[in-house]
N, C-alpha and C. Protein backbone atom coordinates (compact mmCIF):
# COMPACT_ATOMS: atom_id res chain seq x y z
N MET A 1 -14.00 -3.13 38.03
CA MET A 1 -13.68 -4.47 38.48
C MET A 1 -14.44 -5.48 37.62
N PRO A 2 -13.77 -6.47 37.04
CA PRO A 2 -14.44 -7.48 36.23
C PRO A 2 -15.45 -8.27 37.06
N ARG A 3 -16.50 -8.70 36.38
CA ARG A 3 -17.53 -9.49 37.03
C ARG A 3 -17.61 -10.84 36.32
N LYS A 4 -17.47 -11.93 37.08
CA LYS A 4 -17.54 -13.28 36.52
C LYS A 4 -18.82 -13.94 37.00
N THR A 5 -19.56 -14.54 36.06
CA THR A 5 -20.78 -15.26 36.40
C THR A 5 -20.81 -16.57 35.61
N ALA A 6 -21.46 -17.56 36.19
CA ALA A 6 -21.67 -18.81 35.47
C ALA A 6 -22.64 -18.53 34.32
N ALA A 7 -22.42 -19.18 33.19
CA ALA A 7 -23.28 -19.01 32.03
C ALA A 7 -23.83 -20.36 31.61
N ALA A 8 -25.12 -20.41 31.36
CA ALA A 8 -25.78 -21.65 30.97
C ALA A 8 -25.56 -21.92 29.48
N VAL A 9 -24.29 -22.13 29.13
CA VAL A 9 -23.91 -22.41 27.74
C VAL A 9 -22.91 -23.56 27.77
N GLY A 10 -23.19 -24.61 26.97
CA GLY A 10 -22.26 -25.74 26.91
C GLY A 10 -21.96 -26.29 28.28
N ALA A 11 -20.73 -26.74 28.44
CA ALA A 11 -20.25 -27.23 29.74
C ALA A 11 -19.29 -26.19 30.30
N ASN A 12 -19.36 -25.97 31.58
CA ASN A 12 -18.45 -25.04 32.26
C ASN A 12 -18.48 -23.63 31.68
N GLY A 13 -19.67 -23.16 31.31
CA GLY A 13 -19.79 -21.82 30.74
C GLY A 13 -19.52 -20.73 31.78
N ASN A 14 -18.76 -19.73 31.39
CA ASN A 14 -18.46 -18.57 32.24
C ASN A 14 -18.50 -17.31 31.40
N LEU A 15 -19.00 -16.24 32.02
CA LEU A 15 -19.03 -14.94 31.37
C LEU A 15 -18.31 -13.95 32.27
N VAL A 16 -17.31 -13.28 31.71
CA VAL A 16 -16.57 -12.25 32.44
C VAL A 16 -16.83 -10.93 31.72
N SER A 17 -17.28 -9.93 32.47
CA SER A 17 -17.58 -8.61 31.89
C SER A 17 -16.89 -7.54 32.70
N GLY A 18 -16.49 -6.49 32.00
CA GLY A 18 -15.85 -5.36 32.68
C GLY A 18 -15.29 -4.38 31.68
N MET A 19 -14.29 -3.64 32.12
CA MET A 19 -13.64 -2.64 31.29
C MET A 19 -12.25 -3.12 30.90
N THR A 20 -11.75 -2.64 29.77
CA THR A 20 -10.38 -2.93 29.40
C THR A 20 -9.45 -2.28 30.42
N LEU A 21 -8.21 -2.71 30.45
CA LEU A 21 -7.27 -2.19 31.45
C LEU A 21 -7.11 -0.68 31.40
N ASN A 22 -7.16 -0.11 30.20
CA ASN A 22 -7.01 1.34 30.10
C ASN A 22 -8.33 2.10 30.29
N GLY A 23 -9.43 1.36 30.48
CA GLY A 23 -10.72 1.98 30.78
C GLY A 23 -11.42 2.63 29.61
N THR A 24 -10.98 2.36 28.39
CA THR A 24 -11.59 3.02 27.23
C THR A 24 -12.67 2.19 26.55
N GLN A 25 -12.78 0.91 26.87
CA GLN A 25 -13.77 0.04 26.24
C GLN A 25 -14.38 -0.92 27.25
N SER A 26 -15.61 -1.31 26.96
CA SER A 26 -16.21 -2.41 27.72
C SER A 26 -15.81 -3.70 27.02
N THR A 27 -15.77 -4.78 27.77
CA THR A 27 -15.44 -6.08 27.18
C THR A 27 -16.21 -7.18 27.92
N SER A 28 -16.66 -8.15 27.16
CA SER A 28 -17.32 -9.34 27.71
C SER A 28 -16.71 -10.55 27.03
N VAL A 29 -16.34 -11.55 27.82
CA VAL A 29 -15.73 -12.76 27.28
C VAL A 29 -16.53 -13.96 27.79
N LEU A 30 -17.06 -14.73 26.85
CA LEU A 30 -17.80 -15.95 27.16
C LEU A 30 -16.92 -17.13 26.83
N THR A 31 -16.74 -18.05 27.77
CA THR A 31 -15.98 -19.27 27.52
C THR A 31 -16.84 -20.47 27.90
N PHE A 32 -16.70 -21.54 27.12
CA PHE A 32 -17.38 -22.80 27.45
C PHE A 32 -16.73 -23.91 26.65
N ASN A 33 -17.02 -25.13 27.02
CA ASN A 33 -16.56 -26.25 26.21
C ASN A 33 -17.72 -27.17 25.91
N GLN A 34 -17.54 -27.94 24.84
CA GLN A 34 -18.54 -28.90 24.41
C GLN A 34 -17.77 -30.07 23.83
N GLY A 35 -17.79 -31.18 24.53
CA GLY A 35 -16.99 -32.32 24.09
C GLY A 35 -15.52 -31.95 24.11
N ASN A 36 -14.85 -32.12 22.99
CA ASN A 36 -13.42 -31.81 22.93
C ASN A 36 -13.15 -30.42 22.32
N VAL A 37 -14.17 -29.57 22.28
CA VAL A 37 -14.04 -28.22 21.71
C VAL A 37 -14.13 -27.18 22.82
N ALA A 38 -13.12 -26.31 22.88
CA ALA A 38 -13.13 -25.18 23.81
C ALA A 38 -13.43 -23.92 23.01
N THR A 39 -14.30 -23.07 23.53
CA THR A 39 -14.74 -21.88 22.80
C THR A 39 -14.58 -20.63 23.64
N THR A 40 -14.09 -19.57 23.01
CA THR A 40 -14.01 -18.25 23.61
C THR A 40 -14.60 -17.26 22.63
N ILE A 41 -15.58 -16.47 23.09
CA ILE A 41 -16.19 -15.43 22.27
C ILE A 41 -16.02 -14.11 23.01
N GLU A 42 -15.45 -13.12 22.34
CA GLU A 42 -15.18 -11.83 22.99
C GLU A 42 -15.97 -10.72 22.30
N PHE A 43 -16.56 -9.85 23.11
CA PHE A 43 -17.30 -8.70 22.63
C PHE A 43 -16.66 -7.45 23.23
N ASP A 44 -16.24 -6.52 22.38
CA ASP A 44 -15.67 -5.26 22.83
C ASP A 44 -16.55 -4.13 22.31
N GLY A 45 -16.67 -3.07 23.09
CA GLY A 45 -17.48 -1.95 22.65
C GLY A 45 -17.15 -0.69 23.42
N PRO A 46 -17.92 0.36 23.18
CA PRO A 46 -17.70 1.62 23.90
C PRO A 46 -17.83 1.43 25.41
N ALA A 47 -17.12 2.23 26.14
CA ALA A 47 -17.11 2.11 27.60
C ALA A 47 -18.51 2.24 28.20
N ASN A 48 -19.35 3.03 27.58
CA ASN A 48 -20.69 3.26 28.14
C ASN A 48 -21.76 2.38 27.51
N ASP A 49 -21.37 1.39 26.71
CA ASP A 49 -22.35 0.55 26.02
C ASP A 49 -21.88 -0.90 25.93
N PRO A 50 -21.82 -1.60 27.07
CA PRO A 50 -21.37 -3.00 27.04
C PRO A 50 -22.39 -3.90 26.34
N ALA A 51 -21.92 -5.03 25.83
CA ALA A 51 -22.81 -6.00 25.20
C ALA A 51 -23.78 -6.53 26.26
N PRO A 52 -25.09 -6.55 25.96
CA PRO A 52 -26.06 -7.08 26.93
C PRO A 52 -25.78 -8.57 27.22
N GLU A 53 -25.87 -8.93 28.49
CA GLU A 53 -25.58 -10.31 28.90
C GLU A 53 -26.46 -11.31 28.17
N ASP A 54 -27.75 -11.02 28.01
CA ASP A 54 -28.64 -11.97 27.33
C ASP A 54 -28.26 -12.15 25.86
N PHE A 55 -27.76 -11.10 25.22
CA PHE A 55 -27.29 -11.19 23.84
C PHE A 55 -26.06 -12.09 23.74
N VAL A 56 -25.12 -11.91 24.65
CA VAL A 56 -23.89 -12.72 24.67
C VAL A 56 -24.24 -14.20 24.89
N ILE A 57 -25.12 -14.46 25.85
CA ILE A 57 -25.54 -15.85 26.15
C ILE A 57 -26.26 -16.46 24.95
N ASP A 58 -27.14 -15.69 24.32
CA ASP A 58 -27.89 -16.19 23.17
C ASP A 58 -26.94 -16.58 22.03
N LEU A 59 -25.98 -15.73 21.71
CA LEU A 59 -25.02 -16.08 20.67
C LEU A 59 -24.16 -17.28 21.06
N GLY A 60 -23.82 -17.38 22.34
CA GLY A 60 -23.07 -18.54 22.82
C GLY A 60 -23.84 -19.83 22.64
N LYS A 61 -25.14 -19.79 22.92
CA LYS A 61 -25.99 -20.98 22.75
C LYS A 61 -26.07 -21.38 21.28
N LYS A 62 -26.13 -20.39 20.40
CA LYS A 62 -26.15 -20.69 18.96
C LYS A 62 -24.83 -21.34 18.53
N GLN A 63 -23.73 -20.84 19.05
CA GLN A 63 -22.43 -21.44 18.74
C GLN A 63 -22.35 -22.86 19.29
N ASP A 64 -22.88 -23.07 20.50
CA ASP A 64 -22.89 -24.40 21.10
C ASP A 64 -23.69 -25.37 20.23
N THR A 65 -24.83 -24.93 19.72
CA THR A 65 -25.64 -25.77 18.83
C THR A 65 -24.88 -26.12 17.56
N ALA A 66 -24.17 -25.13 17.00
CA ALA A 66 -23.37 -25.39 15.79
C ALA A 66 -22.28 -26.42 16.06
N ILE A 67 -21.66 -26.33 17.22
CA ILE A 67 -20.61 -27.30 17.60
C ILE A 67 -21.21 -28.69 17.73
N LEU A 68 -22.36 -28.79 18.39
CA LEU A 68 -23.03 -30.10 18.54
C LEU A 68 -23.38 -30.68 17.18
N ASP A 69 -23.89 -29.85 16.28
CA ASP A 69 -24.22 -30.32 14.93
C ASP A 69 -22.97 -30.81 14.21
N TRP A 70 -21.87 -30.06 14.34
CA TRP A 70 -20.61 -30.43 13.70
C TRP A 70 -20.09 -31.76 14.24
N GLN A 71 -20.27 -31.97 15.55
CA GLN A 71 -19.80 -33.21 16.17
C GLN A 71 -20.74 -34.38 15.91
N GLY A 72 -21.93 -34.09 15.38
CA GLY A 72 -22.90 -35.14 15.10
C GLY A 72 -23.57 -35.70 16.34
N ILE A 73 -23.68 -34.86 17.36
CA ILE A 73 -24.30 -35.30 18.61
C ILE A 73 -25.75 -34.91 18.64
């Protein structure tokens, strides 16, 4: 069963983690927006080795910083 949690990344950050429909891979999807930019980052891996939540959040924060720099904010 997928698990959705709020993520402290950008605005309206959400992290959904679980298994692919066929059960062969783990998947984590981070979504957030910053200004007029919407971002989706997906991590897929072996069923028994999902991407660590703190790693996904950390990369999301780095992407958020890059977006802010690009927007000149």
